[in-house]
Amino acid sequence: MGFLRQDCGSFTEAFRSASFVSGLEMARILVVEDEVKLRNALTSGLTEQGYEVVAVDDGQAGLAMASDGAFDCLLMDLMLPGCDGLEIVRTLRSAGDQTPMLILTARGEIEDRVLGLDSGADDYISKPFSWAELLARIRV
């Protein structure tokens, strides 16, 4: 899997070994990711940990779901068909949405991270990423 750092162990090991803060097990997470393998891995792993996961594969669907649904966390890629992750973040923030938004993307340059955070994202993780780190960031 190209999105998982080699030094992090397997997907299943990382999710099984993670300890979650009490009360967050049933958090509802929207995953907006067009890469099928990553979207499926995130959905499976987060569901296995007790999260309720809704996953979509394009920016327009992600924006619509985020606008209509009550989510505890949004986890999204930047480069999406329909509209990109930054557009989703900006649109939701301008509407007053305070849902925690985490960008998970291959664009890892400092300028990209700063732009994402300045656009309103709460956090930014570059691919490849550590499952343990992703889980820690979701817990916060």
C-alpha atoms as a PDB file:
ATOM      1  CA  MET A   1       0.000   0.000   0.000  1.00  0.00           C
ATOM      2  CA  GLY A   2       1.632   3.230  -1.142  1.00  0.00           C
ATOM      3  CA  PHE A   3      -0.130   5.393   1.430  1.00  0.00           C
ATOM      4  CA  LEU A   4       1.255   3.524   4.471  1.00  0.00           C
ATOM      5  CA  ARG A   5       4.814   4.150   5.613  1.00  0.00           C
ATOM      6  CA  GLN A   6       6.873   0.983   5.620  1.00  0.00           C
ATOM      7  CA  ASP A   7       8.013   1.380   9.234  1.00  0.00           C
ATOM      8  CA  CYS A   8       4.523   1.420  10.707  1.00  0.00           C
ATOM      9  CA  GLY A   9       3.593  -2.251  10.612  1.00  0.00           C
ATOM     10  CA  SER A  10       0.400  -3.521   9.101  1.00  0.00           C
ATOM     11  CA  PHE A  11      -2.869  -1.685   8.875  1.00  0.00           C
ATOM     12  CA  THR A  12      -4.621  -4.186  11.120  1.00  0.00           C
ATOM     13  CA  GLU A  13      -1.868  -4.127  13.760  1.00  0.00           C
ATOM     14  CA  ALA A  14      -1.928  -0.341  13.956  1.00  0.00           C
ATOM     15  CA  PHE A  15      -5.685  -0.180  14.362  1.00  0.00           C
ATOM     16  CA  ARG A  16      -5.873  -3.044  16.837  1.00  0.00           C
ATOM     17  CA  SER A  17      -3.109  -1.641  19.019  1.00  0.00           C
ATOM     18  CA  ALA A  18      -4.532   1.889  19.160  1.00  0.00           C
ATOM     19  CA  SER A  19      -6.242   2.947  22.356  1.00  0.00           C
ATOM     20  CA  PHE A  20      -9.050   5.427  22.001  1.00  0.00           C
ATOM     21  CA  VAL A  21     -10.208   8.145  24.332  1.00  0.00           C
ATOM     22  CA  SER A  22     -13.382   7.080  26.106  1.00  0.00           C
ATOM     23  CA  GLY A  23     -16.532   8.472  24.531  1.00  0.00           C
ATOM     24  CA  LEU A  24     -15.170   8.830  20.998  1.00  0.00           C
ATOM     25  CA  GLU A  25     -15.726   5.244  19.892  1.00  0.00           C
ATOM     26  CA  MET A  26     -19.004   6.071  18.173  1.00  0.00           C
ATOM     27  CA  ALA A  27     -17.821   9.286  16.516  1.00  0.00           C
ATOM     28  CA  ARG A  28     -19.138   9.779  13.005  1.00  0.00           C
ATOM     29  CA  ILE A  29     -16.436  10.369  10.392  1.00  0.00           C
ATOM     30  CA  LEU A  30     -16.822  11.442   6.766  1.00  0.00           C
ATOM     31  CA  VAL A  31     -14.022  10.158   4.525  1.00  0.00           C
ATOM     32  CA  VAL A  32     -13.660  11.931   1.163  1.00  0.00           C
ATOM     33  CA  GLU A  33     -11.039  10.020  -0.832  1.00  0.00           C
ATOM     34  CA  ASP A  34     -10.995   9.100  -4.525  1.00  0.00           C
ATOM     35  CA  GLU A  35      -8.267   6.437  -4.241  1.00  0.00           C
ATOM     36  CA  VAL A  36     -10.271   3.214  -3.862  1.00  0.00           C
ATOM     37  CA  LYS A  37      -7.735   1.200  -1.842  1.00  0.00           C
ATOM     38  CA  LEU A  38      -7.134   3.988   0.645  1.00  0.00           C
ATOM     39  CA  ARG A  39     -10.841   4.814   0.980  1.00  0.00           C
ATOM     40  CA  ASN A  40     -11.636   1.156   1.643  1.00  0.00           C
ATOM     41  CA  ALA A  41      -8.751   0.783   4.104  1.00  0.00           C
ATOM     42  CA  LEU A  42      -9.778   3.886   6.035  1.00  0.00           C
ATOM     43  CA  THR A  43     -13.408   2.792   6.098  1.00  0.00           C
ATOM     44  CA  SER A  44     -12.580  -0.737   7.274  1.00  0.00           C
ATOM     45  CA  GLY A  45     -10.035   0.298   9.854  1.00  0.00           C
ATOM     46  CA  LEU A  46     -12.055   3.106  11.368  1.00  0.00           C
ATOM     47  CA  THR A  47     -15.193   0.962  11.431  1.00  0.00           C
ATOM     48  CA  GLU A  48     -13.245  -1.815  13.159  1.00  0.00           C
ATOM     49  CA  GLN A  49     -12.329   0.715  15.837  1.00  0.00           C
ATOM     50  CA  GLY A  50     -15.974   1.555  16.450  1.00  0.00           C
ATOM     51  CA  TYR A  51     -16.323   4.694  14.386  1.00  0.00           C
ATOM     52  CA  GLU A  52     -19.332   5.191  12.159  1.00  0.00           C
ATOM     53  CA  VAL A  53     -17.848   5.933   8.731  1.00  0.00           C
ATOM     54  CA  VAL A  54     -19.457   7.412   5.652  1.00  0.00           C
ATOM     55  CA  ALA A  55     -17.158   7.399   2.621  1.00  0.00           C
ATOM     56  CA  VAL A  56     -17.500   9.138  -0.732  1.00  0.00           C
ATOM     57  CA  ASP A  57     -15.180   9.314  -3.731  1.00  0.00           C
ATOM     58  CA  ASP A  58     -15.498  12.889  -5.019  1.00  0.00           C
ATOM     59  CA  GLY A  59     -15.470  16.438  -3.740  1.00  0.00           C
ATOM     60  CA  GLN A  60     -19.032  17.367  -4.713  1.00  0.00           C
ATOM     61  CA  ALA A  61     -20.452  14.382  -2.851  1.00  0.00           C
ATOM     62  CA  GLY A  62     -18.184  15.132   0.097  1.00  0.00           C
ATOM     63  CA  LEU A  63     -19.334  18.733   0.285  1.00  0.00           C
ATOM     64  CA  ALA A  64     -22.983  17.705   0.050  1.00  0.00           C
ATOM     65  CA  MET A  65     -22.601  15.038   2.750  1.00  0.00           C
ATOM     66  CA  ALA A  66     -20.660  17.359   5.056  1.00  0.00           C
ATOM     67  CA  SER A  67     -23.268  20.097   4.586  1.00  0.00           C
ATOM     68  CA  ASP A  68     -26.207  17.764   5.234  1.00  0.00           C
ATOM     69  CA  GLY A  69     -24.805  15.323   7.787  1.00  0.00           C
ATOM     70  CA  ALA A  70     -23.758  15.655  11.378  1.00  0.00           C
ATOM     71  CA  PHE A  71     -20.147  14.481  11.468  1.00  0.00           C
ATOM     72  CA  ASP A  72     -17.643  14.590  14.301  1.00  0.00           C
ATOM     73  CA  CYS A  73     -14.678  14.671  11.921  1.00  0.00           C
ATOM     74  CA  LEU A  74     -14.021  15.157   8.203  1.00  0.00           C
ATOM     75  CA  LEU A  75     -11.047  13.336   6.693  1.00  0.00           C
ATOM     76  CA  MET A  76     -10.358  14.352   3.104  1.00  0.00           C
ATOM     77  CA  ASP A  77      -7.879  14.306   0.273  1.00  0.00           C
ATOM     78  CA  LEU A  78      -6.955  17.525  -1.508  1.00  0.00           C
ATOM     79  CA  MET A  79      -6.910  16.347  -5.105  1.00  0.00           C
ATOM     80  CA  LEU A  80     -10.465  15.169  -5.697  1.00  0.00           C
ATOM     81  CA  PRO A  81     -12.726  15.045  -8.730  1.00  0.00           C
ATOM     82  CA  GLY A  82     -15.614  17.508  -8.628  1.00  0.00           C
ATOM     83  CA  CYS A  83     -14.085  19.991  -6.227  1.00  0.00           C
ATOM     84  CA  ASP A  84     -10.867  19.787  -4.260  1.00  0.00           C
ATOM     85  CA  GLY A  85     -10.443  19.434  -0.527  1.00  0.00           C
ATOM     86  CA  LEU A  86      -9.495  23.082  -0.055  1.00  0.00           C
ATOM     87  CA  GLU A  87     -12.744  24.158  -1.681  1.00  0.00           C
ATOM     88  CA  ILE A  88     -14.646  21.858   0.681  1.00  0.00           C
ATOM     89  CA  VAL A  89     -12.866  23.307   3.715  1.00  0.00           C
ATOM     90  CA  ARG A  90     -13.334  26.928   2.619  1.00  0.00           C
ATOM     91  CA  THR A  91     -17.015  26.438   1.751  1.00  0.00           C
ATOM     92  CA  LEU A  92     -17.830  24.734   5.038  1.00  0.00           C
ATOM     93  CA  ARG A  93     -15.854  27.229   7.131  1.00  0.00           C
ATOM     94  CA  SER A  94     -17.500  30.189   5.381  1.00  0.00           C
ATOM     95  CA  ALA A  95     -20.882  28.650   6.292  1.00  0.00           C
ATOM     96  CA  GLY A  96     -19.804  28.530   9.951  1.00  0.00           C
ATOM     97  CA  ASP A  97     -19.135  24.785  10.122  1.00  0.00           C
ATOM     98  CA  GLN A  98     -16.725  24.084  13.000  1.00  0.00           C
ATOM     99  CA  THR A  99     -16.398  20.318  12.437  1.00  0.00           C
ATOM    100  CA  PRO A 100     -12.751  19.209  12.796  1.00  0.00           C
ATOM    101  CA  MET A 101     -11.306  18.827   9.290  1.00  0.00           C
ATOM    102  CA  LEU A 102      -8.191  16.803   8.574  1.00  0.00           C
ATOM    103  CA  ILE A 103      -6.504  16.816   5.174  1.00  0.00           C
ATOM    104  CA  LEU A 104      -4.774  13.584   4.130  1.00  0.00           C
ATOM    105  CA  THR A 105      -2.873  14.106   0.882  1.00  0.00           C
ATOM    106  CA  ALA A 106       0.196  13.390  -1.207  1.00  0.00           C
ATOM    107  CA  ARG A 107       0.929  17.129  -1.372  1.00  0.00           C
ATOM    108  CA  GLY A 108       3.374  17.487   1.483  1.00  0.00           C
ATOM    109  CA  GLU A 109       5.417  20.593   0.741  1.00  0.00           C
ATOM    110  CA  ILE A 110       5.477  23.266   3.430  1.00  0.00           C
ATOM    111  CA  GLU A 111       3.577  25.681   1.170  1.00  0.00           C
ATOM    112  CA  ASP A 112       0.816  23.090   0.659  1.00  0.00           C
ATOM    113  CA  ARG A 113       0.506  22.435   4.397  1.00  0.00           C
ATOM    114  CA  VAL A 114       0.377  26.137   5.225  1.00  0.00           C
ATOM    115  CA  LEU A 115      -2.250  26.728   2.529  1.00  0.00           C
ATOM    116  CA  GLY A 116      -4.377  23.871   3.860  1.00  0.00           C
ATOM    117  CA  LEU A 117      -4.189  25.102   7.435  1.00  0.00           C
ATOM    118  CA  ASP A 118      -4.743  28.735   6.430  1.00  0.00           C
ATOM    119  CA  SER A 119      -7.800  27.633   4.445  1.00  0.00           C
ATOM    120  CA  GLY A 120      -9.383  26.352   7.640  1.00  0.00           C
ATOM    121  CA  ALA A 121      -8.258  22.729   8.018  1.00  0.00           C
ATOM    122  CA  ASP A 122      -7.515  21.727  11.594  1.00  0.00           C
ATOM    123  CA  ASP A 123      -4.758  19.321  10.642  1.00  0.00           C
ATOM    124  CA  TYR A 124      -2.766  18.136   7.637  1.00  0.00           C
ATOM    125  CA  ILE A 125      -1.100  14.760   7.105  1.00  0.00           C
ATOM    126  CA  SER A 126       1.058  13.894   4.103  1.00  0.00           C
ATOM    127  CA  LYS A 127       0.997  10.499   2.377  1.00  0.00           C
ATOM    128  CA  PRO A 128       2.575   8.136   3.042  1.00  0.00           C
ATOM    129  CA  PHE A 129       1.405   8.336   6.631  1.00  0.00           C
ATOM    130  CA  SER A 130       1.579   6.357   9.839  1.00  0.00           C
ATOM    131  CA  TRP A 131      -1.683   4.715  10.919  1.00  0.00           C
ATOM    132  CA  ALA A 132      -0.824   5.358  14.555  1.00  0.00           C
ATOM    133  CA  GLU A 133      -0.309   9.063  13.825  1.00  0.00           C
ATOM    134  CA  LEU A 134      -3.553   9.309  11.871  1.00  0.00           C
ATOM    135  CA  LEU A 135      -5.474   7.682  14.709  1.00  0.00           C
ATOM    136  CA  ALA A 136      -3.888  10.002  17.260  1.00  0.00           C
ATOM    137  CA  ARG A 137      -4.853  13.037  15.206  1.00  0.00           C
ATOM    138  CA  ILE A 138      -8.444  11.803  14.852  1.00  0.00           C
ATOM    139  CA  ARG A 139      -8.665  11.274  18.614  1.00  0.00           C
ATOM    140  CA  VAL A 140      -7.680  14.864  19.322  1.00  0.00           C
END
